[in-house]
Amino acid sequence: MRRYSQRHSLSTLSEINITPLLDLAFVLLIIFMITTPLLENSVNLVIPSSDAANAPINPAQVQTISIDRQAVIKFNNRQVEIDELLSQLKELKQTNPEVAVVIRPDRELPVQKLMTLMDALQRAQISKVGIATKAETK
């Protein structure tokens, strides 16, 4: 009588099952595809676009606020302080509720200075606000 272990004769395995290896390769590929963009040091922002048409704005209702890198604020090309700007914006909002404001910040302006200006616009309850930019040239 043969034993169970002797019942099956030993033979060499001539084929390797590569399915687990392919699964591993695809999992590693997916991991690298996900983590590679996170390893980049620079952040490139692409401004979103929309197919929806914006409501037409009367150019006479658009006011311009410029702020340079020394945080000098100019409202319609006239230099003002932040408190004076806030009172002018509130008065403008009362006379024209549909007023729109375009902010033209300097490239080197600290973000905190821009946020102070945005807070003044919010306190004046002006909701139509835009930030002027220019397209980068390569």
N, C-alpha and C. Protein backbone atom coordinates (compact mmCIF):
# COMPACT_ATOMS: atom_id res chain seq x y z
N MET A 1 0.81 -1.17 0.00
CA MET A 1 0.00 0.00 0.00
C MET A 1 0.87 1.25 0.00
N ARG A 2 0.47 2.20 -0.84
CA ARG A 2 1.23 3.44 -0.91
C ARG A 2 0.72 4.45 0.09
N ARG A 3 1.59 5.24 0.53
CA ARG A 3 1.18 6.34 1.40
C ARG A 3 0.59 7.47 0.57
N TYR A 4 -0.11 8.35 1.20
CA TYR A 4 -0.75 9.47 0.51
C TYR A 4 0.30 10.36 -0.14
N SER A 5 1.39 10.61 0.52
CA SER A 5 2.41 11.48 -0.03
C SER A 5 3.09 10.85 -1.24
N GLN A 6 3.05 9.53 -1.34
CA GLN A 6 3.69 8.88 -2.47
C GLN A 6 2.71 8.66 -3.61
N ARG A 7 1.46 8.89 -3.38
CA ARG A 7 0.45 8.66 -4.39
C ARG A 7 0.63 9.58 -5.60
N HIS A 8 1.01 10.84 -5.36
CA HIS A 8 1.23 11.79 -6.43
C HIS A 8 2.72 11.85 -6.72
N SER A 9 3.02 11.60 -7.93
CA SER A 9 4.44 11.65 -8.27
C SER A 9 4.87 13.10 -8.40
N LEU A 10 6.07 13.38 -8.05
CA LEU A 10 6.60 14.73 -8.12
C LEU A 10 6.93 15.08 -9.56
N SER A 11 6.52 16.25 -9.96
CA SER A 11 6.85 16.70 -11.31
C SER A 11 7.30 18.15 -11.24
N THR A 12 8.04 18.56 -12.22
CA THR A 12 8.52 19.94 -12.22
C THR A 12 7.42 20.87 -12.73
N LEU A 13 7.39 22.03 -12.16
CA LEU A 13 6.40 23.03 -12.56
C LEU A 13 6.98 23.82 -13.73
N SER A 14 6.42 23.65 -14.88
CA SER A 14 6.97 24.29 -16.07
C SER A 14 6.33 25.63 -16.38
N GLU A 15 5.26 26.03 -15.70
CA GLU A 15 4.59 27.31 -15.93
C GLU A 15 4.52 28.08 -14.62
N ILE A 16 4.70 29.38 -14.74
CA ILE A 16 4.58 30.26 -13.57
C ILE A 16 3.31 31.07 -13.77
N ASN A 17 2.51 31.09 -12.75
CA ASN A 17 1.27 31.86 -12.79
C ASN A 17 1.63 33.34 -12.59
N ILE A 18 1.46 34.16 -13.64
CA ILE A 18 1.85 35.57 -13.53
C ILE A 18 0.70 36.49 -13.16
N THR A 19 -0.47 35.97 -12.95
CA THR A 19 -1.62 36.80 -12.59
C THR A 19 -1.38 37.59 -11.31
N PRO A 20 -0.86 36.98 -10.23
CA PRO A 20 -0.58 37.78 -9.03
C PRO A 20 0.48 38.85 -9.26
N LEU A 21 1.44 38.54 -10.14
CA LEU A 21 2.47 39.54 -10.42
C LEU A 21 1.89 40.73 -11.19
N LEU A 22 0.98 40.47 -12.11
CA LEU A 22 0.33 41.55 -12.84
C LEU A 22 -0.55 42.39 -11.92
N ASP A 23 -1.25 41.73 -11.00
CA ASP A 23 -2.06 42.47 -10.03
C ASP A 23 -1.19 43.40 -9.20
N LEU A 24 -0.05 42.91 -8.76
CA LEU A 24 0.87 43.72 -7.97
C LEU A 24 1.41 44.88 -8.80
N ALA A 25 1.74 44.63 -10.05
CA ALA A 25 2.27 45.68 -10.91
C ALA A 25 1.23 46.78 -11.12
N PHE A 26 -0.03 46.42 -11.34
CA PHE A 26 -1.08 47.41 -11.54
C PHE A 26 -1.36 48.21 -10.26
N VAL A 27 -1.32 47.54 -9.12
CA VAL A 27 -1.53 48.26 -7.85
C VAL A 27 -0.40 49.26 -7.63
N LEU A 28 0.84 48.87 -7.90
CA LEU A 28 1.95 49.80 -7.74
C LEU A 28 1.86 50.95 -8.74
N LEU A 29 1.43 50.67 -9.95
CA LEU A 29 1.25 51.71 -10.95
C LEU A 29 0.22 52.74 -10.49
N ILE A 30 -0.88 52.28 -9.95
CA ILE A 30 -1.93 53.18 -9.47
C ILE A 30 -1.43 54.01 -8.30
N ILE A 31 -0.70 53.40 -7.40
CA ILE A 31 -0.15 54.13 -6.24
C ILE A 31 0.79 55.23 -6.71
N PHE A 32 1.67 54.94 -7.66
CA PHE A 32 2.59 55.95 -8.15
C PHE A 32 1.87 57.04 -8.93
N MET A 33 0.81 56.68 -9.64
CA MET A 33 0.06 57.70 -10.38
C MET A 33 -0.65 58.66 -9.43
N ILE A 34 -1.07 58.17 -8.29
CA ILE A 34 -1.77 59.02 -7.33
C ILE A 34 -0.79 59.89 -6.55
N THR A 35 0.34 59.33 -6.15
CA THR A 35 1.25 60.06 -5.27
C THR A 35 2.19 61.00 -6.01
N THR A 36 2.45 60.79 -7.28
CA THR A 36 3.39 61.65 -8.00
C THR A 36 2.95 63.11 -8.04
N PRO A 37 1.70 63.44 -8.34
CA PRO A 37 1.34 64.87 -8.32
C PRO A 37 1.47 65.50 -6.93
N LEU A 38 1.37 64.73 -5.89
CA LEU A 38 1.48 65.28 -4.55
C LEU A 38 2.92 65.60 -4.17
N LEU A 39 3.88 65.03 -4.89
CA LEU A 39 5.28 65.25 -4.56
C LEU A 39 5.84 66.51 -5.20
N GLU A 40 5.10 67.15 -6.08
CA GLU A 40 5.60 68.35 -6.73
C GLU A 40 5.67 69.49 -5.73
N ASN A 41 6.72 70.30 -5.84
CA ASN A 41 6.92 71.41 -4.92
C ASN A 41 6.16 72.65 -5.35
N SER A 42 6.01 72.86 -6.64
CA SER A 42 5.34 74.07 -7.11
C SER A 42 3.85 73.83 -7.26
N VAL A 43 3.11 74.90 -7.13
CA VAL A 43 1.66 74.83 -7.27
C VAL A 43 1.28 75.69 -8.45
N ASN A 44 0.73 75.08 -9.47
CA ASN A 44 0.24 75.83 -10.63
C ASN A 44 -1.27 75.90 -10.52
N LEU A 45 -1.77 77.10 -10.45
CA LEU A 45 -3.20 77.29 -10.35
C LEU A 45 -3.76 77.61 -11.72
N VAL A 46 -4.79 76.92 -12.07
CA VAL A 46 -5.49 77.21 -13.31
C VAL A 46 -6.85 77.74 -12.92
N ILE A 47 -7.12 78.94 -13.36
CA ILE A 47 -8.38 79.58 -13.00
C ILE A 47 -9.52 78.85 -13.69
N PRO A 48 -10.55 78.48 -12.95
CA PRO A 48 -11.66 77.74 -13.56
C PRO A 48 -12.42 78.61 -14.55
N SER A 49 -13.01 77.96 -15.51
CA SER A 49 -13.81 78.67 -16.50
C SER A 49 -15.23 78.12 -16.46
N SER A 50 -16.11 78.87 -17.05
CA SER A 50 -17.51 78.48 -17.04
C SER A 50 -18.11 78.79 -18.40
N ASP A 51 -19.04 77.94 -18.81
CA ASP A 51 -19.76 78.18 -20.06
C ASP A 51 -20.95 79.10 -19.84
N ALA A 52 -21.34 79.28 -18.60
CA ALA A 52 -22.50 80.11 -18.29
C ALA A 52 -22.16 81.57 -18.57
N ALA A 53 -23.07 82.25 -19.15
CA ALA A 53 -22.87 83.67 -19.46
C ALA A 53 -23.05 84.49 -18.19
N ASN A 54 -22.12 85.42 -17.97
CA ASN A 54 -22.24 86.31 -16.83
C ASN A 54 -23.29 87.38 -17.13
N ALA A 55 -23.90 87.83 -16.08
CA ALA A 55 -24.88 88.90 -16.25
C ALA A 55 -24.16 90.16 -16.72
N PRO A 56 -24.72 90.86 -17.67
CA PRO A 56 -24.06 92.07 -18.17
C PRO A 56 -23.98 93.13 -17.07
N ILE A 57 -22.82 93.77 -17.00
CA ILE A 57 -22.59 94.80 -15.99
C ILE A 57 -22.35 96.12 -16.71
N ASN A 58 -23.02 97.13 -16.26
CA ASN A 58 -22.84 98.45 -16.83
C ASN A 58 -21.47 98.97 -16.42
N PRO A 59 -20.61 99.35 -17.38
CA PRO A 59 -19.27 99.84 -17.02
C PRO A 59 -19.30 101.07 -16.13
N ALA A 60 -20.38 101.83 -16.16
CA ALA A 60 -20.49 103.00 -15.30
C ALA A 60 -20.65 102.60 -13.83
N GLN A 61 -21.10 101.38 -13.59
CA GLN A 61 -21.30 100.91 -12.22
C GLN A 61 -20.05 100.24 -11.64
N VAL A 62 -19.00 100.06 -12.43
CA VAL A 62 -17.80 99.38 -11.97
C VAL A 62 -16.83 100.40 -11.39
N GLN A 63 -16.44 100.16 -10.15
CA GLN A 63 -15.47 100.99 -9.46
C GLN A 63 -14.15 100.23 -9.38
N THR A 64 -13.02 100.94 -9.39
CA THR A 64 -11.71 100.30 -9.37
C THR A 64 -10.97 100.67 -8.09
N ILE A 65 -10.43 99.63 -7.44
CA ILE A 65 -9.59 99.83 -6.27
C ILE A 65 -8.23 99.23 -6.59
N SER A 66 -7.19 100.05 -6.53
CA SER A 66 -5.83 99.58 -6.76
C SER A 66 -5.08 99.58 -5.44
N ILE A 67 -4.24 98.58 -5.26
CA ILE A 67 -3.42 98.52 -4.04
C ILE A 67 -2.03 98.05 -4.44
N ASP A 68 -1.01 98.85 -4.09
CA ASP A 68 0.35 98.49 -4.49
C ASP A 68 1.05 97.72 -3.38
N ARG A 69 2.32 97.40 -3.61
CA ARG A 69 3.03 96.54 -2.65
C ARG A 69 3.31 97.21 -1.31
N GLN A 70 3.21 98.55 -1.23
CA GLN A 70 3.33 99.25 0.05
C GLN A 70 1.97 99.44 0.70
N ALA A 71 0.94 98.80 0.17
CA ALA A 71 -0.43 98.84 0.69
C ALA A 71 -1.05 100.22 0.57
N VAL A 72 -0.64 100.99 -0.44
CA VAL A 72 -1.27 102.28 -0.74
C VAL A 72 -2.52 101.99 -1.57
N ILE A 73 -3.66 102.41 -1.05
CA ILE A 73 -4.95 102.11 -1.70
C ILE A 73 -5.40 103.32 -2.50
N LYS A 74 -5.80 103.05 -3.75
CA LYS A 74 -6.34 104.11 -4.60
C LYS A 74 -7.72 103.67 -5.05
N PHE A 75 -8.71 104.54 -4.79
CA PHE A 75 -10.09 104.28 -5.18
C PHE A 75 -10.40 105.19 -6.36
N ASN A 76 -10.60 104.59 -7.53
CA ASN A 76 -10.79 105.33 -8.79
C ASN A 76 -9.66 106.35 -9.00
N ASN A 77 -8.43 105.87 -8.85
CA ASN A 77 -7.19 106.64 -9.05
C ASN A 77 -7.02 107.80 -8.08
N ARG A 78 -7.68 107.72 -6.92
CA ARG A 78 -7.51 108.73 -5.87
C ARG A 78 -7.10 108.01 -4.59
N GLN A 79 -5.97 108.44 -4.01
CA GLN A 79 -5.45 107.76 -2.84
C GLN A 79 -6.34 107.99 -1.63
N VAL A 80 -6.68 106.87 -0.94
CA VAL A 80 -7.54 106.93 0.25
C VAL A 80 -6.98 106.00 1.31
N GLU A 81 -7.40 106.25 2.55
CA GLU A 81 -7.09 105.34 3.65
C GLU A 81 -8.21 104.31 3.73
N ILE A 82 -7.98 103.22 4.46
CA ILE A 82 -8.95 102.12 4.52
C ILE A 82 -10.26 102.56 5.17
N ASP A 83 -10.20 103.42 6.18
CA ASP A 83 -11.43 103.89 6.84
C ASP A 83 -12.25 104.78 5.91
N GLU A 84 -11.55 105.66 5.19
CA GLU A 84 -12.22 106.54 4.23
C GLU A 84 -12.81 105.72 3.09
N LEU A 85 -12.08 104.69 2.67
CA LEU A 85 -12.58 103.80 1.61
C LEU A 85 -13.85 103.10 2.05
N LEU A 86 -13.87 102.62 3.29
CA LEU A 86 -15.05 101.93 3.80
C LEU A 86 -16.27 102.85 3.80
N SER A 87 -16.11 104.08 4.24
CA SER A 87 -17.25 105.01 4.25
C SER A 87 -17.70 105.34 2.83
N GLN A 88 -16.75 105.50 1.89
CA GLN A 88 -17.13 105.77 0.50
C GLN A 88 -17.85 104.57 -0.12
N LEU A 89 -17.40 103.37 0.21
CA LEU A 89 -18.05 102.17 -0.34
C LEU A 89 -19.46 102.01 0.21
N LYS A 90 -19.66 102.29 1.49
CA LYS A 90 -21.00 102.21 2.07
C LYS A 90 -21.94 103.23 1.43
N GLU A 91 -21.43 104.42 1.22
CA GLU A 91 -22.23 105.47 0.58
C GLU A 91 -22.56 105.08 -0.86
N LEU A 92 -21.59 104.52 -1.56
CA LEU A 92 -21.80 104.09 -2.93
C LEU A 92 -22.81 102.96 -3.00
N LYS A 93 -22.77 102.06 -2.04
CA LYS A 93 -23.73 100.94 -2.00
C LYS A 93 -25.15 101.44 -1.75
N GLN A 94 -25.29 102.48 -0.93
CA GLN A 94 -26.62 103.03 -0.67
C GLN A 94 -27.19 103.72 -1.91
N THR A 95 -26.35 104.42 -2.63
CA THR A 95 -26.84 105.12 -3.83
C THR A 95 -27.07 104.17 -4.99
N ASN A 96 -26.25 103.11 -5.09
CA ASN A 96 -26.36 102.17 -6.20
C ASN A 96 -26.18 100.75 -5.66
N PRO A 97 -27.25 100.01 -5.41
CA PRO A 97 -27.12 98.66 -4.85
C PRO A 97 -26.45 97.65 -5.78
N GLU A 98 -26.41 97.96 -7.09
CA GLU A 98 -25.82 97.03 -8.06
C GLU A 98 -24.37 97.38 -8.38
N VAL A 99 -23.69 98.08 -7.50
CA VAL A 99 -22.32 98.50 -7.77
C VAL A 99 -21.39 97.28 -7.80
N ALA A 100 -20.42 97.33 -8.71
CA ALA A 100 -19.41 96.27 -8.82
C ALA A 100 -18.04 96.90 -8.62
N VAL A 101 -17.14 96.12 -8.00
CA VAL A 101 -15.80 96.61 -7.68
C VAL A 101 -14.78 95.66 -8.27
N VAL A 102 -13.76 96.22 -8.90
CA VAL A 102 -12.63 95.45 -9.41
C VAL A 102 -11.41 95.85 -8.60
N ILE A 103 -10.75 94.84 -8.03
CA ILE A 103 -9.54 95.08 -7.25
C ILE A 103 -8.34 94.80 -8.15
N ARG A 104 -7.39 95.72 -8.18
CA ARG A 104 -6.17 95.54 -8.96
C ARG A 104 -5.00 95.49 -7.98
N PRO A 105 -4.65 94.28 -7.48
CA PRO A 105 -3.54 94.19 -6.52
C PRO A 105 -2.19 94.09 -7.23
N ASP A 106 -1.15 94.49 -6.52
CA ASP A 106 0.20 94.31 -7.02
C ASP A 106 0.60 92.85 -6.86
N ARG A 107 1.48 92.39 -7.71
CA ARG A 107 1.91 90.98 -7.68
C ARG A 107 2.62 90.63 -6.38
N GLU A 108 3.36 91.57 -5.81
CA GLU A 108 4.14 91.33 -4.60
C GLU A 108 3.40 91.70 -3.32
N LEU A 109 2.12 92.02 -3.43
CA LEU A 109 1.34 92.42 -2.26
C LEU A 109 1.13 91.22 -1.34
N PRO A 110 1.39 91.38 -0.03
CA PRO A 110 1.09 90.28 0.89
C PRO A 110 -0.41 89.98 0.92
N VAL A 111 -0.73 88.73 1.08
CA VAL A 111 -2.12 88.29 1.02
C VAL A 111 -2.94 88.93 2.14
N GLN A 112 -2.34 89.16 3.30
CA GLN A 112 -3.07 89.75 4.42
C GLN A 112 -3.59 91.14 4.08
N LYS A 113 -2.83 91.90 3.31
CA LYS A 113 -3.28 93.24 2.92
C LYS A 113 -4.48 93.15 1.97
N LEU A 114 -4.45 92.18 1.07
CA LEU A 114 -5.58 91.97 0.17
C LEU A 114 -6.81 91.53 0.96
N MET A 115 -6.61 90.69 1.96
CA MET A 115 -7.74 90.23 2.78
C MET A 115 -8.34 91.37 3.59
N THR A 116 -7.52 92.31 4.02
CA THR A 116 -8.04 93.49 4.73
C THR A 116 -8.95 94.30 3.81
N LEU A 117 -8.53 94.44 2.57
CA LEU A 117 -9.35 95.14 1.59
C LEU A 117 -10.65 94.38 1.29
N MET A 118 -10.56 93.06 1.17
CA MET A 118 -11.75 92.24 0.94
C MET A 118 -12.72 92.34 2.12
N ASP A 119 -12.18 92.39 3.34
CA ASP A 119 -13.03 92.54 4.53
C ASP A 119 -13.77 93.88 4.50
N ALA A 120 -13.10 94.93 4.04
CA ALA A 120 -13.76 96.24 3.94
C ALA A 120 -14.90 96.18 2.94
N LEU A 121 -14.71 95.48 1.84
CA LEU A 121 -15.78 95.33 0.86
C LEU A 121 -16.95 94.53 1.44
N GLN A 122 -16.63 93.55 2.23
CA GLN A 122 -17.69 92.74 2.85
C GLN A 122 -18.46 93.57 3.88
N ARG A 123 -17.76 94.38 4.65
CA ARG A 123 -18.44 95.24 5.62
C ARG A 123 -19.33 96.26 4.92
N ALA A 124 -18.95 96.69 3.72
CA ALA A 124 -19.78 97.62 2.95
C ALA A 124 -20.90 96.88 2.22
N GLN A 125 -20.97 95.57 2.36
CA GLN A 125 -22.00 94.70 1.77
C GLN A 125 -21.99 94.76 0.25
N ILE A 126 -20.79 94.86 -0.33
CA ILE A 126 -20.65 94.82 -1.78
C ILE A 126 -20.30 93.38 -2.15
N SER A 127 -21.17 92.78 -2.94
CA SER A 127 -20.98 91.36 -3.26
C SER A 127 -20.41 91.13 -4.66
N LYS A 128 -20.49 92.12 -5.52
CA LYS A 128 -19.95 91.97 -6.88
C LYS A 128 -18.51 92.47 -6.88
N VAL A 129 -17.58 91.54 -6.64
CA VAL A 129 -16.17 91.88 -6.51
C VAL A 129 -15.38 90.99 -7.47
N GLY A 130 -14.44 91.60 -8.16
CA GLY A 130 -13.55 90.85 -9.03
C GLY A 130 -12.12 91.27 -8.78
N ILE A 131 -11.18 90.38 -9.10
CA ILE A 131 -9.76 90.70 -8.97
C ILE A 131 -9.16 90.68 -10.36
N ALA A 132 -8.58 91.79 -10.76
CA ALA A 132 -8.00 91.91 -12.10
C ALA A 132 -6.69 91.15 -12.15
N THR A 133 -6.54 90.36 -13.19
CA THR A 133 -5.29 89.63 -13.44
C THR A 133 -4.92 89.81 -14.90
N LYS A 134 -3.72 89.40 -15.22
CA LYS A 134 -3.34 89.39 -16.62
C LYS A 134 -2.80 88.01 -16.95
N ALA A 135 -2.91 87.64 -18.19
CA ALA A 135 -2.45 86.33 -18.61
C ALA A 135 -0.94 86.28 -18.58
N GLU A 136 -0.41 85.12 -18.16
CA GLU A 136 1.03 84.95 -18.14
C GLU A 136 1.54 84.74 -19.55
N THR A 137 2.68 85.33 -19.84
CA THR A 137 3.33 85.10 -21.12
C THR A 137 4.48 84.15 -20.90
N LYS A 138 4.64 83.23 -21.81
CA LYS A 138 5.69 82.22 -21.62
C LYS A 138 6.86 82.49 -22.51
